[in-house]
Amino acid sequence: MVFVEVIGSFKGFLQLRPVRLDDGFDQVNRYSVVAFCLLAGLILTFNQQLGNVIKCIGEGDTNYPVAYIEEFCWTQGLYTIKEAYNQSWPDKVPYPGIVPVKGKTCFPFGLYSGGTIGCVDEADLKPLQRVHHIWYQFVPFYFWACSVCFYIPYALFRKWCGIYDLKPIFSNLNNQVSAPEDQQRAVDNVSRWLYIRLNAYMNNPHPYTQILQKHSMFYTTIFVKVLYLTISVLCFLGTNQIFQIGSFATYGYDWLLSLPYGKDYVIMDTLFPKMVACELKAWGHTGIERETQMCVLPQNVGIQYFFCIFWFILVGVNCTNLVSLFIAAYRLTFIKHSYRRFLRQSLLREEERYFIVWERVGTSGRALLQILIHHCNAKEFEDIMEILCSLLISNLRKHQRRKSRMHDTFV
């Protein structure tokens, strides 16, 4: 008895399944993608604030303390050399994108065939192209922004769908420790709520109800799915614009191809350099003096893997969002196919009254019934449909008789 009382005191918190009003495709966006972006943003934020984000050392003697050099390079930006990415390393360059700013003193090397290689005047050389990197400062904010963007469609869906008052009612159906009379009361409450809503869809001739409310779920669902697809595509394309060297568009694919050859670090180091250069500028005895510093970005080791995982996530959600859009449009448009699917899921016998209700309640009503299937058992759903169809068909017949009498009167 004590155990039953304890369980009963917590029955409001015990549910077999949470109430979900959007489909599984949309939940991938608002749960999986948002959770990953929040986790990545949180980890990288703590790493930037508490971790070791940069280490610099000068070429030769330097007149500035190391702390000043590191702060200056971190805030003012770092760079690599574009031409150095085409050179093999470590035999020609010490690291991808890193070469000495000034060439070594020319030495006339002798040739086996005789003669020597002449020296080239530095004035005749094309200047090396610097690629400046400052995106690493904003990576945590990037992931925070992505999490917000992928949650916006769900927030709009909640605001516009107009069915979120279902959640408390469905919560009672999900309650696994309720007494039988409480479960029956929940069935009656759901039936009354659905009757009020579906009766308006079936029997209210007002144009606003028939055009907007009756099919509001169609407009809302298609808009939200198009918005999810747009956000995922723009996020993928926008991420590709961050990098000036390499391509994020093929990052994950290139990484997979390089794994069997042990060259995955080449792909990652091109997009996320760990060794970079920094030009320190300060006032000196001769005016503005410049020093070239070599810096290490340890945080890019973690960032490269976050972006690699994010590449696969974005490719996946782009594909699923496109498929989801077509599936939703098909299910909401073709009534007979969705009706057969409805019968299979609900385990109901095929009866004419079920199809009459299914056909006349519009996309909003059909969406409500589909949601209901996933939040109650077969017996509860059959009881709800029994009550609901009886009331709706009875009221439909009354409206039809009233319209018939009005027509006969005018005729």
Foldseek 3Di string as FASTA:
>chain_A
DVVLVVCVVCLLVDFPDAADLDDPLLCCLLPVLLVLLLVVLVVLVCCVVPHDFKFWDFDPDDPDDRVVVGVCPLVVWFKFFPVQQPDDPDVPPVFRRDDDQDDDDDDFDADPVGDTDDDDDPVPDDHTDIDTDNCSVCSSVLSVVLSVQSCVLVVVCVVQLPCVVCRVLLSQQRRPSDDPVSNVVSLVVVLVVLLVQLLCLQQPPDPCSPPCVLAVCVVSVLVSLVSNLVSLVCSQVVVQVNFPWAGLLCLLVVLVVCVVVVCNVSSLCRRQPQKTKDWDWDQDPVGIDITIMIMGGVVSVVVSVSSSVVSVSSVVSNVSSVVVSVVSVVLQPDQVVVVVVLCVLLVDDDDPLSSVSSVRSHSSSVSVSVSSSVRHHNVSSVVSCVSNSVVSVVVVVVSVVVVVVVVVVVD
